[in-house]
Amino acid sequence: MSGRRNSVRYQLLVPREGEFVVAHDIILERRTDGEVFALSDAPHPRGQELRLELGAAVSANGLHARVLECEPIVVDGSLRYRLRFATGDGTKQDETG
């Protein structure tokens, strides 16, 4: 078993572009036509595009969303972030700027 842990097991011949995505749970506060409001334990940068999976009622691709606002708040003594997402086809504009 010598060298088993430090030898290369798999190597791509052609490097691939991509990104590593980590799922975060959010608490849905409300959903309107074109927007979703939620609480998260992690901040998200304004303009970040992501996919929201809102349970079994949403298609397998989820709901395309873009972060419009991320505001830190205190909930029951814990730091949380109130998020406002634009949803749908991405044409929703941010009213604040």
N, C-alpha and C. Protein backbone atom coordinates (compact mmCIF):
# COMPACT_ATOMS: atom_id res chain seq x y z
N MET A 1 0.82 -1.19 0.00
CA MET A 1 0.00 0.00 0.00
C MET A 1 0.87 1.26 0.00
N SER A 2 2.13 1.11 -0.16
CA SER A 2 3.03 2.25 -0.18
C SER A 2 2.69 3.17 -1.36
N GLY A 3 2.57 4.47 -1.09
CA GLY A 3 2.30 5.44 -2.14
C GLY A 3 0.84 5.58 -2.52
N ARG A 4 -0.02 4.84 -1.89
CA ARG A 4 -1.43 4.87 -2.27
C ARG A 4 -2.07 6.24 -2.06
N ARG A 5 -1.81 6.89 -0.98
CA ARG A 5 -2.47 8.16 -0.67
C ARG A 5 -1.83 9.35 -1.35
N ASN A 6 -0.60 9.27 -1.78
CA ASN A 6 0.03 10.44 -2.38
C ASN A 6 0.23 10.31 -3.90
N SER A 7 -0.29 9.28 -4.51
CA SER A 7 -0.18 9.15 -5.97
C SER A 7 -1.42 9.75 -6.63
N VAL A 8 -1.24 10.25 -7.87
CA VAL A 8 -2.35 10.83 -8.61
C VAL A 8 -3.26 9.71 -9.06
N ARG A 9 -4.56 9.83 -8.76
CA ARG A 9 -5.51 8.79 -9.13
C ARG A 9 -6.26 9.11 -10.40
N TYR A 10 -6.45 10.42 -10.66
CA TYR A 10 -7.22 10.81 -11.82
C TYR A 10 -6.73 12.19 -12.24
N GLN A 11 -6.50 12.36 -13.52
CA GLN A 11 -6.04 13.64 -14.02
C GLN A 11 -6.74 13.93 -15.35
N LEU A 12 -7.30 15.12 -15.49
CA LEU A 12 -7.95 15.51 -16.73
C LEU A 12 -6.91 15.84 -17.79
N LEU A 13 -7.13 15.36 -19.00
CA LEU A 13 -6.23 15.70 -20.09
C LEU A 13 -6.43 17.15 -20.52
N VAL A 14 -7.70 17.61 -20.47
CA VAL A 14 -8.02 18.99 -20.81
C VAL A 14 -8.68 19.63 -19.59
N PRO A 15 -8.09 20.72 -19.06
CA PRO A 15 -8.72 21.37 -17.90
C PRO A 15 -10.12 21.86 -18.24
N ARG A 16 -11.03 21.77 -17.29
CA ARG A 16 -12.41 22.20 -17.47
C ARG A 16 -12.70 23.42 -16.59
N GLU A 17 -13.53 24.32 -17.13
CA GLU A 17 -13.97 25.45 -16.33
C GLU A 17 -15.23 25.06 -15.58
N GLY A 18 -15.42 25.67 -14.44
CA GLY A 18 -16.61 25.38 -13.66
C GLY A 18 -16.51 26.07 -12.32
N GLU A 19 -17.48 25.79 -11.49
CA GLU A 19 -17.46 26.35 -10.15
C GLU A 19 -18.02 25.34 -9.17
N PHE A 20 -17.55 25.42 -7.97
CA PHE A 20 -18.01 24.57 -6.90
C PHE A 20 -19.15 25.28 -6.20
N VAL A 21 -20.28 24.64 -6.07
CA VAL A 21 -21.45 25.26 -5.47
C VAL A 21 -21.80 24.57 -4.16
N VAL A 22 -21.97 25.37 -3.13
CA VAL A 22 -22.35 24.85 -1.82
C VAL A 22 -23.80 25.25 -1.56
N ALA A 23 -24.61 24.29 -1.18
CA ALA A 23 -26.01 24.57 -0.89
C ALA A 23 -26.14 25.19 0.50
N HIS A 24 -26.98 26.22 0.60
CA HIS A 24 -27.27 26.86 1.88
C HIS A 24 -28.77 26.82 2.10
N ASP A 25 -29.17 26.53 3.31
CA ASP A 25 -30.59 26.60 3.65
C ASP A 25 -30.95 28.05 3.92
N ILE A 26 -32.13 28.44 3.45
CA ILE A 26 -32.66 29.77 3.74
C ILE A 26 -34.07 29.61 4.29
N ILE A 27 -34.53 30.63 4.98
CA ILE A 27 -35.90 30.65 5.49
C ILE A 27 -36.68 31.61 4.62
N LEU A 28 -37.64 31.10 3.90
CA LEU A 28 -38.45 31.90 3.01
C LEU A 28 -39.40 32.77 3.84
N GLU A 29 -39.31 34.09 3.67
CA GLU A 29 -40.22 35.00 4.37
C GLU A 29 -41.47 35.26 3.55
N ARG A 30 -41.28 35.61 2.29
CA ARG A 30 -42.43 35.80 1.40
C ARG A 30 -41.96 35.79 -0.04
N ARG A 31 -42.92 35.56 -0.91
CA ARG A 31 -42.64 35.50 -2.34
C ARG A 31 -43.71 36.32 -3.05
N THR A 32 -43.27 37.24 -3.90
CA THR A 32 -44.19 38.03 -4.70
C THR A 32 -43.90 37.75 -6.17
N ASP A 33 -44.66 38.38 -7.04
CA ASP A 33 -44.43 38.21 -8.46
C ASP A 33 -43.09 38.85 -8.82
N GLY A 34 -42.10 38.03 -9.10
CA GLY A 34 -40.79 38.55 -9.50
C GLY A 34 -39.78 38.70 -8.39
N GLU A 35 -40.15 38.48 -7.13
CA GLU A 35 -39.20 38.62 -6.03
C GLU A 35 -39.40 37.55 -4.96
N VAL A 36 -38.32 37.24 -4.27
CA VAL A 36 -38.35 36.34 -3.12
C VAL A 36 -37.59 37.03 -1.99
N PHE A 37 -38.16 37.00 -0.78
CA PHE A 37 -37.54 37.55 0.41
C PHE A 37 -37.23 36.38 1.35
N ALA A 38 -35.99 36.34 1.87
CA ALA A 38 -35.60 35.20 2.70
C ALA A 38 -34.58 35.62 3.74
N LEU A 39 -34.40 34.77 4.76
CA LEU A 39 -33.36 34.93 5.76
C LEU A 39 -32.31 33.85 5.56
N SER A 40 -31.04 34.23 5.71
CA SER A 40 -29.94 33.29 5.54
C SER A 40 -28.95 33.49 6.67
N ASP A 41 -28.18 32.44 6.98
CA ASP A 41 -27.13 32.58 7.99
C ASP A 41 -25.80 33.00 7.36
N ALA A 42 -25.77 33.15 6.04
CA ALA A 42 -24.56 33.56 5.34
C ALA A 42 -24.88 34.72 4.39
N PRO A 43 -23.97 35.70 4.27
CA PRO A 43 -24.22 36.80 3.34
C PRO A 43 -24.00 36.33 1.90
N HIS A 44 -24.66 37.02 0.98
CA HIS A 44 -24.50 36.75 -0.45
C HIS A 44 -24.27 38.08 -1.14
N PRO A 45 -23.28 38.17 -2.03
CA PRO A 45 -22.99 39.45 -2.67
C PRO A 45 -24.09 39.89 -3.63
N ARG A 46 -24.31 41.18 -3.66
CA ARG A 46 -25.29 41.76 -4.57
C ARG A 46 -24.92 41.42 -6.01
N GLY A 47 -25.90 40.97 -6.79
CA GLY A 47 -25.66 40.61 -8.17
C GLY A 47 -25.37 39.13 -8.39
N GLN A 48 -25.13 38.39 -7.31
CA GLN A 48 -24.86 36.96 -7.44
C GLN A 48 -26.07 36.25 -8.02
N GLU A 49 -25.84 35.41 -9.02
CA GLU A 49 -26.92 34.64 -9.62
C GLU A 49 -26.85 33.22 -9.08
N LEU A 50 -28.02 32.69 -8.75
CA LEU A 50 -28.07 31.35 -8.20
C LEU A 50 -29.41 30.70 -8.49
N ARG A 51 -29.55 29.48 -8.04
CA ARG A 51 -30.79 28.74 -8.24
C ARG A 51 -31.40 28.43 -6.88
N LEU A 52 -32.66 28.79 -6.72
CA LEU A 52 -33.38 28.48 -5.49
C LEU A 52 -34.23 27.24 -5.72
N GLU A 53 -34.10 26.29 -4.83
CA GLU A 53 -34.93 25.09 -4.89
C GLU A 53 -35.91 25.18 -3.72
N LEU A 54 -37.17 25.41 -4.05
CA LEU A 54 -38.20 25.67 -3.04
C LEU A 54 -39.09 24.47 -2.81
N GLY A 55 -38.52 23.30 -2.68
CA GLY A 55 -39.29 22.10 -2.42
C GLY A 55 -39.74 21.41 -3.70
N ALA A 56 -40.64 20.47 -3.55
CA ALA A 56 -41.07 19.62 -4.66
C ALA A 56 -41.92 20.36 -5.69
N ALA A 57 -42.48 21.53 -5.34
CA ALA A 57 -43.37 22.24 -6.26
C ALA A 57 -42.63 22.93 -7.40
N VAL A 58 -41.31 23.07 -7.29
CA VAL A 58 -40.52 23.76 -8.31
C VAL A 58 -39.93 22.74 -9.27
N SER A 59 -39.74 23.14 -10.51
CA SER A 59 -39.16 22.22 -11.50
C SER A 59 -37.78 21.76 -11.07
N ALA A 60 -37.28 20.74 -11.75
CA ALA A 60 -35.98 20.16 -11.41
C ALA A 60 -34.85 21.18 -11.55
N ASN A 61 -35.04 22.20 -12.38
CA ASN A 61 -34.01 23.22 -12.56
C ASN A 61 -34.05 24.30 -11.49
N GLY A 62 -35.05 24.31 -10.65
CA GLY A 62 -35.16 25.31 -9.62
C GLY A 62 -35.62 26.65 -10.17
N LEU A 63 -35.49 27.67 -9.38
CA LEU A 63 -35.93 29.01 -9.72
C LEU A 63 -34.70 29.90 -9.86
N HIS A 64 -34.48 30.44 -11.05
CA HIS A 64 -33.33 31.32 -11.27
C HIS A 64 -33.53 32.60 -10.46
N ALA A 65 -32.50 33.03 -9.73
CA ALA A 65 -32.61 34.21 -8.88
C ALA A 65 -31.32 35.00 -8.90
N ARG A 66 -31.44 36.31 -8.67
CA ARG A 66 -30.29 37.22 -8.57
C ARG A 66 -30.44 38.03 -7.30
N VAL A 67 -29.38 38.14 -6.51
CA VAL A 67 -29.42 38.88 -5.24
C VAL A 67 -29.50 40.38 -5.53
N LEU A 68 -30.56 41.02 -5.02
CA LEU A 68 -30.70 42.47 -5.15
C LEU A 68 -30.23 43.19 -3.90
N GLU A 69 -30.52 42.61 -2.73
CA GLU A 69 -30.12 43.21 -1.46
C GLU A 69 -29.71 42.12 -0.48
N CYS A 70 -28.77 42.46 0.39
CA CYS A 70 -28.35 41.58 1.48
C CYS A 70 -28.09 42.47 2.68
N GLU A 71 -28.99 42.43 3.65
CA GLU A 71 -28.94 43.31 4.81
C GLU A 71 -28.75 42.50 6.09
N PRO A 72 -27.70 42.80 6.89
CA PRO A 72 -27.52 42.08 8.15
C PRO A 72 -28.57 42.51 9.17
N ILE A 73 -29.13 41.54 9.88
CA ILE A 73 -30.11 41.81 10.93
C ILE A 73 -29.86 40.84 12.09
N VAL A 74 -30.41 41.15 13.25
CA VAL A 74 -30.32 40.26 14.41
C VAL A 74 -31.68 39.64 14.64
N VAL A 75 -31.72 38.30 14.68
CA VAL A 75 -32.95 37.55 14.90
C VAL A 75 -32.73 36.64 16.10
N ASP A 76 -33.48 36.85 17.17
CA ASP A 76 -33.35 36.06 18.39
C ASP A 76 -31.90 35.99 18.89
N GLY A 77 -31.20 37.12 18.81
CA GLY A 77 -29.83 37.21 19.29
C GLY A 77 -28.77 36.66 18.35
N SER A 78 -29.16 36.23 17.15
CA SER A 78 -28.21 35.68 16.17
C SER A 78 -28.17 36.55 14.93
N LEU A 79 -26.97 36.69 14.37
CA LEU A 79 -26.80 37.46 13.14
C LEU A 79 -27.35 36.67 11.96
N ARG A 80 -28.24 37.28 11.21
CA ARG A 80 -28.80 36.69 9.99
C ARG A 80 -28.73 37.74 8.89
N TYR A 81 -29.04 37.34 7.69
CA TYR A 81 -29.02 38.25 6.55
C TYR A 81 -30.36 38.18 5.84
N ARG A 82 -31.00 39.33 5.69
CA ARG A 82 -32.26 39.39 4.95
C ARG A 82 -31.89 39.60 3.48
N LEU A 83 -32.33 38.66 2.65
CA LEU A 83 -32.01 38.69 1.22
C LEU A 83 -33.25 39.03 0.41
N ARG A 84 -33.04 39.80 -0.64
CA ARG A 84 -34.11 40.07 -1.61
C ARG A 84 -33.58 39.61 -2.96
N PHE A 85 -34.29 38.68 -3.57
CA PHE A 85 -33.90 38.12 -4.86
C PHE A 85 -34.86 38.57 -5.95
N ALA A 86 -34.34 38.85 -7.13
CA ALA A 86 -35.17 38.99 -8.33
C ALA A 86 -35.25 37.60 -8.93
N THR A 87 -36.44 37.21 -9.38
CA THR A 87 -36.62 35.87 -9.93
C THR A 87 -37.20 35.94 -11.33
N GLY A 88 -37.28 34.82 -11.97
CA GLY A 88 -37.89 34.75 -13.30
C GLY A 88 -36.87 34.82 -14.40
N ASP A 89 -37.16 35.60 -15.43
CA ASP A 89 -36.30 35.64 -16.61
C ASP A 89 -35.12 36.58 -16.47
N GLY A 90 -34.96 37.21 -15.30
CA GLY A 90 -33.82 38.09 -15.08
C GLY A 90 -34.06 39.52 -15.54
N THR A 91 -35.28 39.87 -15.95
CA THR A 91 -35.55 41.21 -16.44
C THR A 91 -35.99 42.17 -15.33
N LYS A 92 -36.25 41.66 -14.14
CA LYS A 92 -36.66 42.50 -13.01
C LYS A 92 -35.50 43.43 -12.66
N GLN A 93 -35.77 44.71 -12.57
CA GLN A 93 -34.75 45.70 -12.27
C GLN A 93 -34.77 46.05 -10.79
N ASP A 94 -33.63 46.40 -10.25
CA ASP A 94 -33.52 46.85 -8.87
C ASP A 94 -34.02 48.28 -8.77
N GLU A 95 -35.04 48.53 -7.95
CA GLU A 95 -35.59 49.87 -7.84
C GLU A 95 -34.65 50.84 -7.14
N THR A 96 -33.70 50.32 -6.35
CA THR A 96 -32.84 51.20 -5.56
C THR A 96 -31.67 51.73 -6.34
N GLY A 97 -31.47 51.31 -7.55
CA GLY A 97 -30.33 51.88 -8.23
C GLY A 97 -30.06 51.21 -9.48
